[in-house]
All heavy atoms as atom14 arrays in JSON, in Angstrom:
{
  "sequence": "LELHLYPNRDPGWCLTRKVALRDAAGAIVGLSGVSRDLAMADQK",
  "atom14_mask": [
    [1, 1, 1, 1, 1, 1, 1, 1, 0, 0, 0, 0, 0, 0],
    [1, 1, 1, 1, 1, 1, 1, 1, 1, 0, 0, 0, 0, 0],
    [1, 1, 1, 1, 1, 1, 1, 1, 0, 0, 0, 0, 0, 0],
    [1, 1, 1, 1, 1, 1, 1, 1, 1, 1, 0, 0, 0, 0],
    [1, 1, 1, 1, 1, 1, 1, 1, 0, 0, 0, 0, 0, 0],
    [1, 1, 1, 1, 1, 1, 1, 1, 1, 1, 1, 1, 0, 0],
    [1, 1, 1, 1, 1, 1, 1, 0, 0, 0, 0, 0, 0, 0],
    [1, 1, 1, 1, 1, 1, 1, 1, 0, 0, 0, 0, 0, 0],
    [1, 1, 1, 1, 1, 1, 1, 1, 1, 1, 1, 0, 0, 0],
    [1, 1, 1, 1, 1, 1, 1, 1, 0, 0, 0, 0, 0, 0],
    [1, 1, 1, 1, 1, 1, 1, 0, 0, 0, 0, 0, 0, 0],
    [1, 1, 1, 1, 0, 0, 0, 0, 0, 0, 0, 0, 0, 0],
    [1, 1, 1, 1, 1, 1, 1, 1, 1, 1, 1, 1, 1, 1],
    [1, 1, 1, 1, 1, 1, 0, 0, 0, 0, 0, 0, 0, 0],
    [1, 1, 1, 1, 1, 1, 1, 1, 0, 0, 0, 0, 0, 0],
    [1, 1, 1, 1, 1, 1, 1, 0, 0, 0, 0, 0, 0, 0],
    [1, 1, 1, 1, 1, 1, 1, 1, 1, 1, 1, 0, 0, 0],
    [1, 1, 1, 1, 1, 1, 1, 1, 1, 0, 0, 0, 0, 0],
    [1, 1, 1, 1, 1, 1, 1, 0, 0, 0, 0, 0, 0, 0],
    [1, 1, 1, 1, 1, 0, 0, 0, 0, 0, 0, 0, 0, 0],
    [1, 1, 1, 1, 1, 1, 1, 1, 0, 0, 0, 0, 0, 0],
    [1, 1, 1, 1, 1, 1, 1, 1, 1, 1, 1, 0, 0, 0],
    [1, 1, 1, 1, 1, 1, 1, 1, 0, 0, 0, 0, 0, 0],
    [1, 1, 1, 1, 1, 0, 0, 0, 0, 0, 0, 0, 0, 0],
    [1, 1, 1, 1, 1, 0, 0, 0, 0, 0, 0, 0, 0, 0],
    [1, 1, 1, 1, 0, 0, 0, 0, 0, 0, 0, 0, 0, 0],
    [1, 1, 1, 1, 1, 0, 0, 0, 0, 0, 0, 0, 0, 0],
    [1, 1, 1, 1, 1, 1, 1, 1, 0, 0, 0, 0, 0, 0],
    [1, 1, 1, 1, 1, 1, 1, 0, 0, 0, 0, 0, 0, 0],
    [1, 1, 1, 1, 0, 0, 0, 0, 0, 0, 0, 0, 0, 0],
    [1, 1, 1, 1, 1, 1, 1, 1, 0, 0, 0, 0, 0, 0],
    [1, 1, 1, 1, 1, 1, 0, 0, 0, 0, 0, 0, 0, 0],
    [1, 1, 1, 1, 0, 0, 0, 0, 0, 0, 0, 0, 0, 0],
    [1, 1, 1, 1, 1, 1, 1, 0, 0, 0, 0, 0, 0, 0],
    [1, 1, 1, 1, 1, 1, 0, 0, 0, 0, 0, 0, 0, 0],
    [1, 1, 1, 1, 1, 1, 1, 1, 1, 1, 1, 0, 0, 0],
    [1, 1, 1, 1, 1, 1, 1, 1, 0, 0, 0, 0, 0, 0],
    [1, 1, 1, 1, 1, 1, 1, 1, 0, 0, 0, 0, 0, 0],
    [1, 1, 1, 1, 1, 0, 0, 0, 0, 0, 0, 0, 0, 0],
    [1, 1, 1, 1, 1, 1, 1, 1, 0, 0, 0, 0, 0, 0],
    [1, 1, 1, 1, 1, 0, 0, 0, 0, 0, 0, 0, 0, 0],
    [1, 1, 1, 1, 1, 1, 1, 1, 0, 0, 0, 0, 0, 0],
    [1, 1, 1, 1, 1, 1, 1, 1, 1, 0, 0, 0, 0, 0],
    [1, 1, 1, 1, 1, 1, 1, 1, 1, 0, 0, 0, 0, 0]
  ],
  "atom14_positions": [
    [[116.38, 126.22, 40.86], [117.47, 126.14, 39.81], [118.07, 127.48, 39.78], [117.42, 128.42, 39.56], [116.74, 125.77, 38.46], [117.69, 125.61, 37.28], [118.64, 124.54, 37.48], [116.89, 125.45, 36.02], [0.0, 0.0, 0.0], [0.0, 0.0, 0.0], [0.0, 0.0, 0.0], [0.0, 0.0, 0.0], [0.0, 0.0, 0.0], [0.0, 0.0, 0.0]],
    [[119.42, 127.35, 39.91], [120.21, 128.7, 39.86], [121.41, 128.61, 38.98], [122.03, 127.5, 38.87], [120.72, 129.07, 41.38], [119.51, 129.37, 42.22], [119.94, 129.82, 43.6], [120.98, 129.33, 44.09], [119.2, 130.41, 44.28], [0.0, 0.0, 0.0], [0.0, 0.0, 0.0], [0.0, 0.0, 0.0], [0.0, 0.0, 0.0], [0.0, 0.0, 0.0]],
    [[121.73, 129.69, 38.31], [123.04, 129.77, 37.58], [123.94, 130.67, 38.35], [123.71, 131.79, 38.65], [122.75, 130.33, 36.15], [123.95, 130.49, 35.38], [124.7, 129.15, 35.04], [123.59, 131.23, 34.07], [0.0, 0.0, 0.0], [0.0, 0.0, 0.0], [0.0, 0.0, 0.0], [0.0, 0.0, 0.0], [0.0, 0.0, 0.0], [0.0, 0.0, 0.0]],
    [[125.12, 130.11, 38.8], [126.25, 130.82, 39.47], [127.29, 131.28, 38.55], [127.69, 130.57, 37.68], [126.67, 130.13, 40.64], [125.78, 129.89, 41.85], [125.75, 130.79, 42.89], [124.72, 129.13, 42.01], [124.75, 130.45, 43.83], [124.13, 129.43, 43.24], [0.0, 0.0, 0.0], [0.0, 0.0, 0.0], [0.0, 0.0, 0.0], [0.0, 0.0, 0.0]],
    [[127.92, 132.54, 38.91], [129.09, 132.81, 38.2], [130.2, 132.66, 39.1], [130.24, 133.33, 40.17], [128.99, 134.31, 37.68], [129.99, 134.78, 36.76], [129.86, 134.0, 35.36], [129.98, 136.16, 36.44], [0.0, 0.0, 0.0], [0.0, 0.0, 0.0], [0.0, 0.0, 0.0], [0.0, 0.0, 0.0], [0.0, 0.0, 0.0], [0.0, 0.0, 0.0]],
    [[131.06, 131.68, 38.94], [132.11, 131.37, 39.78], [133.28, 132.39, 39.71], [133.35, 133.24, 38.78], [132.61, 129.95, 39.53], [131.56, 128.89, 39.8], [130.87, 128.12, 38.74], [131.27, 128.57, 41.16], [129.94, 127.26, 39.08], [130.21, 127.68, 41.42], [129.59, 127.05, 40.39], [128.65, 126.07, 40.65], [0.0, 0.0, 0.0], [0.0, 0.0, 0.0]],
    [[134.29, 132.34, 40.68], [135.34, 133.34, 40.78], [136.09, 133.44, 39.44], [136.57, 134.48, 39.07], [136.18, 132.85, 41.87], [135.25, 132.13, 42.77], [134.31, 131.49, 41.95], [0.0, 0.0, 0.0], [0.0, 0.0, 0.0], [0.0, 0.0, 0.0], [0.0, 0.0, 0.0], [0.0, 0.0, 0.0], [0.0, 0.0, 0.0], [0.0, 0.0, 0.0]],
    [[136.27, 132.39, 38.66], [136.9, 132.43, 37.34], [136.05, 132.77, 36.2], [136.44, 132.71, 35.04], [137.58, 131.1, 37.01], [136.56, 129.91, 36.96], [135.35, 130.15, 37.04], [137.03, 128.79, 36.62], [0.0, 0.0, 0.0], [0.0, 0.0, 0.0], [0.0, 0.0, 0.0], [0.0, 0.0, 0.0], [0.0, 0.0, 0.0], [0.0, 0.0, 0.0]],
    [[134.74, 133.21, 36.56], [133.74, 133.74, 35.65], [133.12, 132.63, 34.9], [132.38, 132.76, 33.89], [134.29, 134.79, 34.73], [134.69, 136.08, 35.5], [134.97, 137.27, 34.47], [135.38, 138.47, 35.23], [134.45, 139.17, 35.9], [133.26, 138.93, 35.78], [134.89, 140.28, 36.47], [0.0, 0.0, 0.0], [0.0, 0.0, 0.0], [0.0, 0.0, 0.0]],
    [[133.44, 131.35, 35.12], [132.73, 130.2, 34.52], [131.32, 130.03, 35.21], [131.19, 130.09, 36.38], [133.5, 128.83, 34.75], [134.67, 128.75, 33.74], [134.76, 129.5, 32.72], [135.58, 128.03, 34.11], [0.0, 0.0, 0.0], [0.0, 0.0, 0.0], [0.0, 0.0, 0.0], [0.0, 0.0, 0.0], [0.0, 0.0, 0.0], [0.0, 0.0, 0.0]],
    [[130.28, 129.91, 34.28], [128.94, 129.67, 34.89], [128.76, 128.24, 35.38], [129.37, 127.26, 34.78], [128.0, 130.04, 33.67], [128.85, 129.71, 32.53], [130.26, 129.94, 32.88], [0.0, 0.0, 0.0], [0.0, 0.0, 0.0], [0.0, 0.0, 0.0], [0.0, 0.0, 0.0], [0.0, 0.0, 0.0], [0.0, 0.0, 0.0], [0.0, 0.0, 0.0]],
    [[128.04, 128.06, 36.42], [127.72, 126.72, 36.89], [126.26, 126.57, 37.39], [125.8, 127.49, 38.11], [0.0, 0.0, 0.0], [0.0, 0.0, 0.0], [0.0, 0.0, 0.0], [0.0, 0.0, 0.0], [0.0, 0.0, 0.0], [0.0, 0.0, 0.0], [0.0, 0.0, 0.0], [0.0, 0.0, 0.0], [0.0, 0.0, 0.0], [0.0, 0.0, 0.0]],
    [[125.56, 125.51, 36.98], [124.2, 125.33, 37.47], [124.15, 124.54, 38.84], [124.96, 123.64, 38.97], [123.49, 124.58, 36.34], [123.16, 125.45, 35.18], [123.93, 125.46, 33.98], [122.15, 126.32, 34.96], [123.48, 126.36, 33.13], [122.33, 126.92, 33.62], [120.99, 126.63, 35.78], [121.39, 127.81, 33.24], [120.14, 127.57, 35.18], [120.32, 128.16, 33.93]],
    [[123.18, 124.84, 39.59], [122.96, 124.15, 40.77], [121.58, 124.17, 41.19], [120.68, 125.0, 40.64], [123.85, 124.54, 41.86], [123.51, 126.4, 42.38], [0.0, 0.0, 0.0], [0.0, 0.0, 0.0], [0.0, 0.0, 0.0], [0.0, 0.0, 0.0], [0.0, 0.0, 0.0], [0.0, 0.0, 0.0], [0.0, 0.0, 0.0], [0.0, 0.0, 0.0]],
    [[121.13, 123.21, 42.11], [119.83, 123.25, 42.67], [119.98, 123.54, 44.22], [120.75, 122.95, 44.93], [119.16, 121.86, 42.53], [118.74, 121.45, 41.11], [118.24, 120.1, 41.19], [117.64, 122.38, 40.55], [0.0, 0.0, 0.0], [0.0, 0.0, 0.0], [0.0, 0.0, 0.0], [0.0, 0.0, 0.0], [0.0, 0.0, 0.0], [0.0, 0.0, 0.0]],
    [[119.27, 124.63, 44.62], [119.42, 125.14, 45.99], [118.18, 124.89, 46.83], [117.07, 125.02, 46.3], [119.78, 126.59, 46.03], [120.97, 126.85, 45.27], [119.84, 127.13, 47.37], [0.0, 0.0, 0.0], [0.0, 0.0, 0.0], [0.0, 0.0, 0.0], [0.0, 0.0, 0.0], [0.0, 0.0, 0.0], [0.0, 0.0, 0.0], [0.0, 0.0, 0.0]],
    [[118.5, 124.42, 48.09], [117.25, 124.17, 49.0], [117.7, 124.9, 50.36], [118.82, 124.79, 50.85], [117.22, 122.76, 49.27], [116.05, 122.46, 50.23], [115.81, 120.93, 50.3], [115.29, 120.44, 49.06], [114.67, 119.2, 48.83], [114.62, 118.48, 49.81], [114.31, 118.85, 47.67], [0.0, 0.0, 0.0], [0.0, 0.0, 0.0], [0.0, 0.0, 0.0]],
    [[116.7, 125.73, 50.82], [116.95, 126.47, 52.24], [115.77, 126.23, 52.97], [114.6, 126.23, 52.53], [117.16, 127.94, 51.96], [118.4, 128.28, 51.15], [118.44, 129.83, 50.96], [119.72, 130.2, 50.09], [119.94, 131.62, 49.81], [0.0, 0.0, 0.0], [0.0, 0.0, 0.0], [0.0, 0.0, 0.0], [0.0, 0.0, 0.0], [0.0, 0.0, 0.0]],
    [[116.02, 125.96, 54.37], [114.97, 125.69, 55.31], [115.2, 126.57, 56.6], [116.31, 126.8, 56.95], [114.76, 124.25, 55.68], [114.4, 123.38, 54.5], [116.04, 123.69, 56.25], [0.0, 0.0, 0.0], [0.0, 0.0, 0.0], [0.0, 0.0, 0.0], [0.0, 0.0, 0.0], [0.0, 0.0, 0.0], [0.0, 0.0, 0.0], [0.0, 0.0, 0.0]],
    [[114.17, 127.1, 57.16], [114.33, 127.8, 58.44], [114.44, 126.88, 59.58], [114.13, 125.71, 59.6], [112.99, 128.51, 58.61], [0.0, 0.0, 0.0], [0.0, 0.0, 0.0], [0.0, 0.0, 0.0], [0.0, 0.0, 0.0], [0.0, 0.0, 0.0], [0.0, 0.0, 0.0], [0.0, 0.0, 0.0], [0.0, 0.0, 0.0], [0.0, 0.0, 0.0]],
    [[115.38, 127.35, 60.49], [115.71, 126.65, 61.78], [114.88, 127.29, 62.83], [114.89, 128.52, 63.06], [117.17, 126.78, 62.06], [118.09, 126.15, 60.97], [119.62, 126.35, 61.3], [117.83, 124.64, 60.76], [0.0, 0.0, 0.0], [0.0, 0.0, 0.0], [0.0, 0.0, 0.0], [0.0, 0.0, 0.0], [0.0, 0.0, 0.0], [0.0, 0.0, 0.0]],
    [[114.22, 126.56, 63.69], [113.35, 127.09, 64.83], [113.89, 126.55, 66.13], [114.39, 125.5, 66.26], [111.86, 126.68, 64.43], [111.34, 127.13, 63.27], [109.99, 126.71, 62.91], [109.47, 127.18, 61.63], [108.81, 128.31, 61.35], [108.62, 129.13, 62.43], [108.44, 128.7, 60.15], [0.0, 0.0, 0.0], [0.0, 0.0, 0.0], [0.0, 0.0, 0.0]],
    [[113.51, 127.4, 67.11], [113.8, 126.98, 68.51], [112.78, 126.13, 69.07], [111.67, 125.89, 68.34], [114.13, 128.16, 69.41], [113.12, 129.11, 69.59], [111.95, 128.81, 69.23], [113.31, 130.27, 69.96], [0.0, 0.0, 0.0], [0.0, 0.0, 0.0], [0.0, 0.0, 0.0], [0.0, 0.0, 0.0], [0.0, 0.0, 0.0], [0.0, 0.0, 0.0]],
    [[112.8, 125.78, 70.45], [111.83, 124.85, 70.89], [110.37, 125.57, 70.93], [109.37, 124.84, 70.9], [112.21, 124.64, 72.31], [0.0, 0.0, 0.0], [0.0, 0.0, 0.0], [0.0, 0.0, 0.0], [0.0, 0.0, 0.0], [0.0, 0.0, 0.0], [0.0, 0.0, 0.0], [0.0, 0.0, 0.0], [0.0, 0.0, 0.0], [0.0, 0.0, 0.0]],
    [[110.32, 126.89, 70.91], [109.05, 127.58, 70.97], [108.57, 127.89, 69.57], [107.44, 128.43, 69.33], [109.28, 129.01, 71.68], [0.0, 0.0, 0.0], [0.0, 0.0, 0.0], [0.0, 0.0, 0.0], [0.0, 0.0, 0.0], [0.0, 0.0, 0.0], [0.0, 0.0, 0.0], [0.0, 0.0, 0.0], [0.0, 0.0, 0.0], [0.0, 0.0, 0.0]],
    [[109.29, 127.53, 68.55], [108.83, 127.65, 67.15], [109.34, 128.92, 66.44], [108.92, 129.11, 65.22], [0.0, 0.0, 0.0], [0.0, 0.0, 0.0], [0.0, 0.0, 0.0], [0.0, 0.0, 0.0], [0.0, 0.0, 0.0], [0.0, 0.0, 0.0], [0.0, 0.0, 0.0], [0.0, 0.0, 0.0], [0.0, 0.0, 0.0], [0.0, 0.0, 0.0]],
    [[110.09, 129.82, 67.15], [110.57, 131.02, 66.57], [111.77, 130.75, 65.66], [112.58, 129.82, 65.94], [111.08, 131.98, 67.66], [0.0, 0.0, 0.0], [0.0, 0.0, 0.0], [0.0, 0.0, 0.0], [0.0, 0.0, 0.0], [0.0, 0.0, 0.0], [0.0, 0.0, 0.0], [0.0, 0.0, 0.0], [0.0, 0.0, 0.0], [0.0, 0.0, 0.0]],
    [[111.79, 131.43, 64.54], [112.92, 131.19, 63.6], [114.23, 131.86, 64.11], [114.24, 133.03, 64.44], [112.55, 131.86, 62.15], [111.35, 130.98, 61.6], [113.72, 131.72, 61.23], [110.92, 131.6, 60.24], [0.0, 0.0, 0.0], [0.0, 0.0, 0.0], [0.0, 0.0, 0.0], [0.0, 0.0, 0.0], [0.0, 0.0, 0.0], [0.0, 0.0, 0.0]],
    [[115.29, 131.02, 64.17], [116.62, 131.51, 64.69], [117.61, 131.51, 63.75], [118.78, 131.84, 63.97], [116.88, 130.67, 65.98], [115.9, 131.0, 67.12], [116.97, 129.2, 65.66], [0.0, 0.0, 0.0], [0.0, 0.0, 0.0], [0.0, 0.0, 0.0], [0.0, 0.0, 0.0], [0.0, 0.0, 0.0], [0.0, 0.0, 0.0], [0.0, 0.0, 0.0]],
    [[117.41, 130.96, 62.55], [118.42, 130.77, 61.54], [117.91, 130.11, 60.3], [116.69, 129.87, 60.26], [0.0, 0.0, 0.0], [0.0, 0.0, 0.0], [0.0, 0.0, 0.0], [0.0, 0.0, 0.0], [0.0, 0.0, 0.0], [0.0, 0.0, 0.0], [0.0, 0.0, 0.0], [0.0, 0.0, 0.0], [0.0, 0.0, 0.0], [0.0, 0.0, 0.0]],
    [[118.74, 129.73, 59.5], [118.45, 128.87, 58.32], [119.55, 127.96, 58.0], [120.77, 128.22, 58.34], [117.93, 129.65, 57.12], [118.97, 130.53, 56.35], [119.72, 129.77, 55.37], [118.19, 131.67, 55.73], [0.0, 0.0, 0.0], [0.0, 0.0, 0.0], [0.0, 0.0, 0.0], [0.0, 0.0, 0.0], [0.0, 0.0, 0.0], [0.0, 0.0, 0.0]],
    [[119.24, 126.9, 57.32], [120.31, 125.97, 56.79], [119.89, 125.62, 55.4], [118.71, 125.76, 54.97], [120.24, 124.62, 57.67], [121.31, 123.76, 57.18], [0.0, 0.0, 0.0], [0.0, 0.0, 0.0], [0.0, 0.0, 0.0], [0.0, 0.0, 0.0], [0.0, 0.0, 0.0], [0.0, 0.0, 0.0], [0.0, 0.0, 0.0], [0.0, 0.0, 0.0]],
    [[120.97, 125.33, 54.63], [120.75, 124.91, 53.13], [121.8, 124.13, 52.52], [122.88, 123.95, 53.09], [0.0, 0.0, 0.0], [0.0, 0.0, 0.0], [0.0, 0.0, 0.0], [0.0, 0.0, 0.0], [0.0, 0.0, 0.0], [0.0, 0.0, 0.0], [0.0, 0.0, 0.0], [0.0, 0.0, 0.0], [0.0, 0.0, 0.0], [0.0, 0.0, 0.0]],
    [[121.5, 123.63, 51.42], [122.37, 122.92, 50.51], [122.25, 123.45, 49.17], [121.15, 123.87, 48.68], [122.21, 121.4, 50.61], [122.64, 120.9, 51.95], [120.82, 120.98, 50.15], [0.0, 0.0, 0.0], [0.0, 0.0, 0.0], [0.0, 0.0, 0.0], [0.0, 0.0, 0.0], [0.0, 0.0, 0.0], [0.0, 0.0, 0.0], [0.0, 0.0, 0.0]],
    [[123.33, 123.34, 48.35], [123.26, 123.72, 47.01], [124.08, 122.72, 46.21], [125.25, 122.5, 46.42], [123.88, 125.11, 46.76], [123.8, 125.46, 45.38], [0.0, 0.0, 0.0], [0.0, 0.0, 0.0], [0.0, 0.0, 0.0], [0.0, 0.0, 0.0], [0.0, 0.0, 0.0], [0.0, 0.0, 0.0], [0.0, 0.0, 0.0], [0.0, 0.0, 0.0]],
    [[123.31, 121.82, 45.33], [123.97, 120.73, 44.68], [124.36, 121.05, 43.26], [123.47, 121.52, 42.43], [122.97, 119.53, 44.64], [122.63, 119.0, 46.03], [121.76, 117.7, 45.95], [120.44, 118.06, 45.52], [119.99, 117.71, 44.36], [120.65, 116.95, 43.46], [118.61, 118.0, 44.03], [0.0, 0.0, 0.0], [0.0, 0.0, 0.0], [0.0, 0.0, 0.0]],
    [[125.56, 120.93, 42.89], [126.03, 121.07, 41.42], [125.31, 120.04, 40.77], [125.17, 118.85, 41.14], [127.46, 120.91, 41.38], [128.27, 122.17, 42.07], [127.61, 123.19, 42.19], [129.5, 121.96, 42.36], [0.0, 0.0, 0.0], [0.0, 0.0, 0.0], [0.0, 0.0, 0.0], [0.0, 0.0, 0.0], [0.0, 0.0, 0.0], [0.0, 0.0, 0.0]],
    [[124.77, 120.3, 39.54], [124.13, 119.41, 38.67], [125.17, 118.41, 38.19], [126.07, 118.89, 37.53], [123.37, 120.16, 37.6], [122.11, 120.84, 38.07], [121.51, 121.57, 36.85], [121.17, 119.97, 38.76], [0.0, 0.0, 0.0], [0.0, 0.0, 0.0], [0.0, 0.0, 0.0], [0.0, 0.0, 0.0], [0.0, 0.0, 0.0], [0.0, 0.0, 0.0]],
    [[124.78, 117.15, 38.4], [125.78, 116.1, 38.03], [125.59, 115.61, 36.6], [124.6, 116.05, 35.89], [125.64, 114.93, 38.91], [0.0, 0.0, 0.0], [0.0, 0.0, 0.0], [0.0, 0.0, 0.0], [0.0, 0.0, 0.0], [0.0, 0.0, 0.0], [0.0, 0.0, 0.0], [0.0, 0.0, 0.0], [0.0, 0.0, 0.0], [0.0, 0.0, 0.0]],
    [[126.44, 114.83, 36.11], [126.28, 114.13, 34.75], [124.99, 113.13, 34.8], [124.72, 112.77, 35.88], [127.51, 113.42, 34.43], [128.76, 114.28, 34.17], [128.59, 115.36, 32.7], [128.64, 114.19, 31.41], [0.0, 0.0, 0.0], [0.0, 0.0, 0.0], [0.0, 0.0, 0.0], [0.0, 0.0, 0.0], [0.0, 0.0, 0.0], [0.0, 0.0, 0.0]],
    [[124.43, 113.04, 33.76], [123.2, 112.2, 33.61], [123.71, 110.73, 34.04], [124.77, 110.27, 33.68], [122.55, 112.22, 32.3], [0.0, 0.0, 0.0], [0.0, 0.0, 0.0], [0.0, 0.0, 0.0], [0.0, 0.0, 0.0], [0.0, 0.0, 0.0], [0.0, 0.0, 0.0], [0.0, 0.0, 0.0], [0.0, 0.0, 0.0], [0.0, 0.0, 0.0]],
    [[122.61, 110.07, 34.63], [122.85, 108.64, 35.0], [122.59, 107.8, 33.8], [121.49, 107.26, 33.45], [121.88, 108.24, 36.07], [122.11, 106.72, 36.46], [123.04, 106.14, 36.04], [121.29, 106.32, 37.17], [0.0, 0.0, 0.0], [0.0, 0.0, 0.0], [0.0, 0.0, 0.0], [0.0, 0.0, 0.0], [0.0, 0.0, 0.0], [0.0, 0.0, 0.0]],
    [[123.58, 107.64, 32.91], [123.43, 106.83, 31.57], [123.19, 105.38, 31.83], [122.84, 104.59, 30.9], [124.58, 107.09, 30.65], [124.8, 108.59, 30.31], [125.84, 108.8, 29.34], [126.15, 107.94, 28.54], [126.32, 110.09, 29.27], [0.0, 0.0, 0.0], [0.0, 0.0, 0.0], [0.0, 0.0, 0.0], [0.0, 0.0, 0.0], [0.0, 0.0, 0.0]],
    [[123.42, 104.9, 33.04], [123.21, 103.47, 33.29], [121.76, 103.1, 33.5], [121.29, 101.96, 33.51], [124.01, 102.99, 34.48], [125.58, 103.09, 34.25], [126.38, 102.71, 35.49], [127.79, 102.72, 35.3], [128.58, 102.41, 36.46], [0.0, 0.0, 0.0], [0.0, 0.0, 0.0], [0.0, 0.0, 0.0], [0.0, 0.0, 0.0], [0.0, 0.0, 0.0]]
  ]
}
């Protein structure tokens, strides 16, 4: 759970996930991730 301060200084909440990327030998060569803005509740 993260609180970001956007360029217009408005705060915004999101959930961030990051995972390591590995080559065929298992060595870490980078990472990939997503950060989801928290949506409105599912009132249905």
